[in-house]
Amino acid sequence: MIFIHKLADVATTTIGEGTKIWQFVVVLPGAKIGANCNICAQVLIENDVIIGDNVTVKSGVQLWNGVRIADNVFIGPNVTFTNDLVPRSKRFPDAFVQTTVGKGASIGANCTIVAGNTIGDYALIGAGSVITHNVPPFTVWYGVPAKHQGYVTAEGELIGLNLLSKTTEQRYLFQNNQLTLIP
């Protein structure tokens, strides 16, 4: 069953089973939202946006045309995506710049994601960061502008830049955008 709060303005019909859309959310007709998503209050989702399954979008997020969100992504409160590298009032580009968030990635509260960047699978973006470059999979970035600060497993275990687990002291290898435990 799909739940849409009576105070939401949802024009799309492409919504997967089990998705919940809360009050004061605006979803334009071309948007595609997967199954088992939770779209919290005061979110805006434009037409050319694709959201995968099991995605959490916290309150105050804007997903503009060109944003692609894979499965199992967490987007914290007040995250802002951009889609035009040279915005001007009343001037629209022929096509908006595409921004992609890979599966299992997490983006902390109040981040800004500059148009055209890719956040890799399972990456972790710290709260308040500004993403100005592509973020490889399994990496941790934070700061303004965000910088590479470490690694993270698919399960959420933090790994230092030295590739040692911060909790178990096990060593990892990062090669070809894959993070692997060294036995």
C-alpha atoms as a PDB file:
ATOM      1  CA  MET A   1       0.000   0.000   0.000  1.00  0.00           C
ATOM      2  CA  ILE A   2       1.195   3.516  -0.824  1.00  0.00           C
ATOM      3  CA  PHE A   3       0.593   6.219   1.778  1.00  0.00           C
ATOM      4  CA  ILE A   4       0.235   9.852   0.675  1.00  0.00           C
ATOM      5  CA  HIS A   5      -0.570  12.378   3.394  1.00  0.00           C
ATOM      6  CA  LYS A   6      -3.672  14.450   2.634  1.00  0.00           C
ATOM      7  CA  LEU A   7      -1.578  17.652   2.813  1.00  0.00           C
ATOM      8  CA  ALA A   8       0.906  16.473   0.157  1.00  0.00           C
ATOM      9  CA  ASP A   9       0.691  17.582  -3.493  1.00  0.00           C
ATOM     10  CA  VAL A  10       1.670  14.489  -5.485  1.00  0.00           C
ATOM     11  CA  ALA A  11       1.121  14.622  -9.263  1.00  0.00           C
ATOM     12  CA  THR A  12       3.138  11.545 -10.278  1.00  0.00           C
ATOM     13  CA  THR A  13       1.537   8.129 -10.587  1.00  0.00           C
ATOM     14  CA  THR A  14       4.882   6.301 -10.638  1.00  0.00           C
ATOM     15  CA  ILE A  15       5.281   5.351  -6.971  1.00  0.00           C
ATOM     16  CA  GLY A  16       6.308   1.910  -5.711  1.00  0.00           C
ATOM     17  CA  GLU A  17       4.452  -0.171  -3.140  1.00  0.00           C
ATOM     18  CA  GLY A  18       5.083   0.602   0.514  1.00  0.00           C
ATOM     19  CA  THR A  19       6.245   4.167  -0.101  1.00  0.00           C
ATOM     20  CA  LYS A  20       5.169   6.858   2.369  1.00  0.00           C
ATOM     21  CA  ILE A  21       4.916  10.521   1.380  1.00  0.00           C
ATOM     22  CA  TRP A  22       4.316  12.942   4.231  1.00  0.00           C
ATOM     23  CA  GLN A  23       2.730  16.406   4.599  1.00  0.00           C
ATOM     24  CA  PHE A  24       3.749  19.422   2.536  1.00  0.00           C
ATOM     25  CA  VAL A  25       5.662  17.310  -0.013  1.00  0.00           C
ATOM     26  CA  VAL A  26       5.417  18.403  -3.661  1.00  0.00           C
ATOM     27  CA  VAL A  27       6.079  15.786  -6.352  1.00  0.00           C
ATOM     28  CA  LEU A  28       5.769  16.822 -10.014  1.00  0.00           C
ATOM     29  CA  PRO A  29       4.144  14.511 -12.595  1.00  0.00           C
ATOM     30  CA  GLY A  30       7.273  13.125 -14.284  1.00  0.00           C
ATOM     31  CA  ALA A  31       9.029  11.967 -11.098  1.00  0.00           C
ATOM     32  CA  LYS A  32       9.604   8.245 -10.479  1.00  0.00           C
ATOM     33  CA  ILE A  33       9.719   6.989  -6.880  1.00  0.00           C
ATOM     34  CA  GLY A  34      10.541   3.378  -6.006  1.00  0.00           C
ATOM     35  CA  ALA A  35       9.107   0.971  -3.439  1.00  0.00           C
ATOM     36  CA  ASN A  36       9.400   1.250   0.350  1.00  0.00           C
ATOM     37  CA  CYS A  37      10.643   4.838   0.299  1.00  0.00           C
ATOM     38  CA  ASN A  38      10.043   7.375   3.044  1.00  0.00           C
ATOM     39  CA  ILE A  39       9.672  10.935   1.729  1.00  0.00           C
ATOM     40  CA  CYS A  40       9.497  13.191   4.797  1.00  0.00           C
ATOM     41  CA  ALA A  41       7.712  16.539   5.185  1.00  0.00           C
ATOM     42  CA  GLN A  42       8.524  19.586   3.054  1.00  0.00           C
ATOM     43  CA  VAL A  43      10.404  17.809   0.249  1.00  0.00           C
ATOM     44  CA  LEU A  44      10.275  19.004  -3.379  1.00  0.00           C
ATOM     45  CA  ILE A  45      10.749  16.466  -6.190  1.00  0.00           C
ATOM     46  CA  GLU A  46      10.807  17.814  -9.762  1.00  0.00           C
ATOM     47  CA  ASN A  47       9.776  16.032 -12.992  1.00  0.00           C
ATOM     48  CA  ASP A  48      13.059  14.516 -14.182  1.00  0.00           C
ATOM     49  CA  VAL A  49      13.973  12.793 -10.908  1.00  0.00           C
ATOM     50  CA  ILE A  50      14.354   9.046 -10.399  1.00  0.00           C
ATOM     51  CA  ILE A  51      14.420   7.584  -6.882  1.00  0.00           C
ATOM     52  CA  GLY A  52      15.175   3.882  -6.322  1.00  0.00           C
ATOM     53  CA  ASP A  53      13.759   1.491  -3.719  1.00  0.00           C
ATOM     54  CA  ASN A  54      14.198   1.756   0.068  1.00  0.00           C
ATOM     55  CA  VAL A  55      15.300   5.404  -0.056  1.00  0.00           C
ATOM     56  CA  THR A  56      14.884   7.802   2.870  1.00  0.00           C
ATOM     57  CA  VAL A  57      14.584  11.498   2.019  1.00  0.00           C
ATOM     58  CA  LYS A  58      14.429  13.582   5.200  1.00  0.00           C
ATOM     59  CA  SER A  59      12.602  16.911   5.575  1.00  0.00           C
ATOM     60  CA  GLY A  60      13.536  20.027   3.621  1.00  0.00           C
ATOM     61  CA  VAL A  61      15.307  18.314   0.701  1.00  0.00           C
ATOM     62  CA  GLN A  62      15.029  19.586  -2.891  1.00  0.00           C
ATOM     63  CA  LEU A  63      15.524  17.076  -5.709  1.00  0.00           C
ATOM     64  CA  TRP A  64      15.741  19.082  -8.933  1.00  0.00           C
ATOM     65  CA  ASN A  65      15.529  17.856 -12.531  1.00  0.00           C
ATOM     66  CA  GLY A  66      18.425  15.552 -13.394  1.00  0.00           C
ATOM     67  CA  VAL A  67      18.880  13.924  -9.976  1.00  0.00           C
ATOM     68  CA  ARG A  68      19.193  10.123  -9.921  1.00  0.00           C
ATOM     69  CA  ILE A  69      19.032   8.294  -6.580  1.00  0.00           C
ATOM     70  CA  ALA A  70      19.833   4.552  -6.465  1.00  0.00           C
ATOM     71  CA  ASP A  71      18.424   1.978  -4.013  1.00  0.00           C
ATOM     72  CA  ASN A  72      18.960   2.103  -0.243  1.00  0.00           C
ATOM     73  CA  VAL A  73      20.162   5.730  -0.142  1.00  0.00           C
ATOM     74  CA  PHE A  74      19.800   7.996   2.905  1.00  0.00           C
ATOM     75  CA  ILE A  75      19.463  11.743   2.283  1.00  0.00           C
ATOM     76  CA  GLY A  76      19.583  13.799   5.479  1.00  0.00           C
ATOM     77  CA  PRO A  77      17.485  16.847   6.323  1.00  0.00           C
ATOM     78  CA  ASN A  78      17.908  20.014   4.262  1.00  0.00           C
ATOM     79  CA  VAL A  79      20.256  18.498   1.673  1.00  0.00           C
ATOM     80  CA  THR A  80      20.261  20.621  -1.470  1.00  0.00           C
ATOM     81  CA  PHE A  81      21.061  19.366  -4.949  1.00  0.00           C
ATOM     82  CA  THR A  82      21.802  21.821  -7.768  1.00  0.00           C
ATOM     83  CA  ASN A  83      21.220  21.186 -11.477  1.00  0.00           C
ATOM     84  CA  ASP A  84      22.483  24.234 -13.349  1.00  0.00           C
ATOM     85  CA  LEU A  85      26.147  25.293 -13.223  1.00  0.00           C
ATOM     86  CA  VAL A  86      25.403  28.808 -14.524  1.00  0.00           C
ATOM     87  CA  PRO A  87      21.919  29.684 -13.252  1.00  0.00           C
ATOM     88  CA  ARG A  88      20.175  32.832 -14.453  1.00  0.00           C
ATOM     89  CA  SER A  89      16.681  34.031 -13.696  1.00  0.00           C
ATOM     90  CA  LYS A  90      14.153  33.090 -16.392  1.00  0.00           C
ATOM     91  CA  ARG A  91      16.809  31.268 -18.471  1.00  0.00           C
ATOM     92  CA  PHE A  92      16.676  27.502 -18.649  1.00  0.00           C
ATOM     93  CA  PRO A  93      19.318  25.207 -20.158  1.00  0.00           C
ATOM     94  CA  ASP A  94      18.404  22.830 -22.978  1.00  0.00           C
ATOM     95  CA  ALA A  95      19.156  19.993 -20.558  1.00  0.00           C
ATOM     96  CA  PHE A  96      19.839  20.028 -16.835  1.00  0.00           C
ATOM     97  CA  VAL A  97      23.091  18.562 -15.538  1.00  0.00           C
ATOM     98  CA  GLN A  98      22.659  15.039 -14.152  1.00  0.00           C
ATOM     99  CA  THR A  99      23.738  14.177 -10.613  1.00  0.00           C
ATOM    100  CA  THR A 100      23.839  10.561  -9.416  1.00  0.00           C
ATOM    101  CA  VAL A 101      23.845   9.048  -5.929  1.00  0.00           C
ATOM    102  CA  GLY A 102      24.937   5.390  -5.899  1.00  0.00           C
ATOM    103  CA  LYS A 103      23.292   2.539  -4.004  1.00  0.00           C
ATOM    104  CA  GLY A 104      23.619   2.512  -0.246  1.00  0.00           C
ATOM    105  CA  ALA A 105      25.184   5.991  -0.057  1.00  0.00           C
ATOM    106  CA  SER A 106      24.408   8.315   2.866  1.00  0.00           C
ATOM    107  CA  ILE A 107      24.374  12.117   2.734  1.00  0.00           C
ATOM    108  CA  GLY A 108      24.361  14.008   6.043  1.00  0.00           C
ATOM    109  CA  ALA A 109      22.198  16.984   6.994  1.00  0.00           C
ATOM    110  CA  ASN A 110      22.634  20.365   5.282  1.00  0.00           C
ATOM    111  CA  CYS A 111      24.933  19.183   2.483  1.00  0.00           C
ATOM    112  CA  THR A 112      25.050  20.857  -0.908  1.00  0.00           C
ATOM    113  CA  ILE A 113      25.635  18.607  -3.908  1.00  0.00           C
ATOM    114  CA  VAL A 114      26.894  20.603  -6.901  1.00  0.00           C
ATOM    115  CA  ALA A 115      25.396  19.538 -10.241  1.00  0.00           C
ATOM    116  CA  GLY A 116      27.119  16.957 -12.383  1.00  0.00           C
ATOM    117  CA  ASN A 117      28.815  14.991  -9.630  1.00  0.00           C
ATOM    118  CA  THR A 118      28.460  11.318  -8.810  1.00  0.00           C
ATOM    119  CA  ILE A 119      28.435  10.013  -5.272  1.00  0.00           C
ATOM    120  CA  GLY A 120      29.571   6.389  -5.447  1.00  0.00           C
ATOM    121  CA  ASP A 121      27.972   3.303  -3.926  1.00  0.00           C
ATOM    122  CA  TYR A 122      28.033   3.196  -0.102  1.00  0.00           C
ATOM    123  CA  ALA A 123      29.879   6.528   0.153  1.00  0.00           C
ATOM    124  CA  LEU A 124      29.311   8.608   3.284  1.00  0.00           C
ATOM    125  CA  ILE A 125      29.066  12.413   3.113  1.00  0.00           C
ATOM    126  CA  GLY A 126      29.397  14.225   6.457  1.00  0.00           C
ATOM    127  CA  ALA A 127      26.864  16.806   7.593  1.00  0.00           C
ATOM    128  CA  GLY A 128      27.289  20.326   6.215  1.00  0.00           C
ATOM    129  CA  SER A 129      29.621  19.289   3.388  1.00  0.00           C
ATOM    130  CA  VAL A 130      29.760  20.799  -0.084  1.00  0.00           C
ATOM    131  CA  ILE A 131      30.394  18.208  -2.800  1.00  0.00           C
ATOM    132  CA  THR A 132      32.258  19.771  -5.728  1.00  0.00           C
ATOM    133  CA  HIS A 133      33.853  16.610  -7.185  1.00  0.00           C
ATOM    134  CA  ASN A 134      32.915  12.995  -7.869  1.00  0.00           C
ATOM    135  CA  VAL A 135      33.023  10.832  -4.747  1.00  0.00           C
ATOM    136  CA  PRO A 136      34.338   7.268  -5.246  1.00  0.00           C
ATOM    137  CA  PRO A 137      32.437   4.299  -3.788  1.00  0.00           C
ATOM    138  CA  PHE A 138      33.121   3.300  -0.159  1.00  0.00           C
ATOM    139  CA  THR A 139      34.742   6.641   0.709  1.00  0.00           C
ATOM    140  CA  VAL A 140      34.034   9.172   3.469  1.00  0.00           C
ATOM    141  CA  TRP A 141      34.035  12.873   2.581  1.00  0.00           C
ATOM    142  CA  TYR A 142      33.344  15.970   4.654  1.00  0.00           C
ATOM    143  CA  GLY A 143      34.178  19.656   4.801  1.00  0.00           C
ATOM    144  CA  VAL A 144      33.711  22.782   2.705  1.00  0.00           C
ATOM    145  CA  PRO A 145      34.631  21.928   0.072  1.00  0.00           C
ATOM    146  CA  ALA A 146      34.453  18.252   1.013  1.00  0.00           C
ATOM    147  CA  LYS A 147      37.691  16.290   1.025  1.00  0.00           C
ATOM    148  CA  HIS A 148      38.408  12.565   1.201  1.00  0.00           C
ATOM    149  CA  GLN A 149      38.655  11.700   4.928  1.00  0.00           C
ATOM    150  CA  GLY A 150      38.520   7.882   5.004  1.00  0.00           C
ATOM    151  CA  TYR A 151      36.608   4.816   3.881  1.00  0.00           C
ATOM    152  CA  VAL A 152      33.413   3.048   4.909  1.00  0.00           C
ATOM    153  CA  THR A 153      32.162  -0.511   4.405  1.00  0.00           C
ATOM    154  CA  ALA A 154      28.744  -1.332   2.970  1.00  0.00           C
ATOM    155  CA  GLU A 155      27.678  -2.123   6.551  1.00  0.00           C
ATOM    156  CA  GLY A 156      28.767   1.315   7.783  1.00  0.00           C
ATOM    157  CA  GLU A 157      32.065   0.469   9.496  1.00  0.00           C
ATOM    158  CA  LEU A 158      34.431   3.454   9.375  1.00  0.00           C
ATOM    159  CA  ILE A 159      37.913   2.835   7.991  1.00  0.00           C
ATOM    160  CA  GLY A 160      40.721   5.400   8.317  1.00  0.00           C
ATOM    161  CA  LEU A 161      42.773   6.804   5.464  1.00  0.00           C
ATOM    162  CA  ASN A 162      45.414   4.277   6.543  1.00  0.00           C
ATOM    163  CA  LEU A 163      42.882   1.541   5.628  1.00  0.00           C
ATOM    164  CA  LEU A 164      42.627   0.297   9.232  1.00  0.00           C
ATOM    165  CA  SER A 165      39.207  -0.248  10.805  1.00  0.00           C
ATOM    166  CA  LYS A 166      38.561   2.334  13.520  1.00  0.00           C
ATOM    167  CA  THR A 167      36.928  -0.332  15.739  1.00  0.00           C
ATOM    168  CA  THR A 168      38.504  -3.716  14.934  1.00  0.00           C
ATOM    169  CA  GLU A 169      41.934  -2.556  13.662  1.00  0.00           C
ATOM    170  CA  GLN A 170      41.592  -4.957  10.744  1.00  0.00           C
ATOM    171  CA  ARG A 171      43.307  -3.866   7.524  1.00  0.00           C
ATOM    172  CA  TYR A 172      41.461  -3.223   4.263  1.00  0.00           C
ATOM    173  CA  LEU A 173      42.511  -2.811   0.645  1.00  0.00           C
ATOM    174  CA  PHE A 174      40.920  -0.168  -1.616  1.00  0.00           C
ATOM    175  CA  GLN A 175      41.480  -1.037  -5.256  1.00  0.00           C
ATOM    176  CA  ASN A 176      39.368  -0.567  -8.410  1.00  0.00           C
ATOM    177  CA  ASN A 177      36.716   1.268  -6.347  1.00  0.00           C
ATOM    178  CA  GLN A 178      36.255  -1.784  -4.103  1.00  0.00           C
ATOM    179  CA  LEU A 179      36.945  -2.010  -0.376  1.00  0.00           C
ATOM    180  CA  THR A 180      38.100  -5.499   0.670  1.00  0.00           C
ATOM    181  CA  LEU A 181      39.031  -6.909   4.074  1.00  0.00           C
ATOM    182  CA  ILE A 182      42.550  -8.371   4.056  1.00  0.00           C
ATOM    183  CA  PRO A 183      42.419 -11.779   5.821  1.00  0.00           C
END
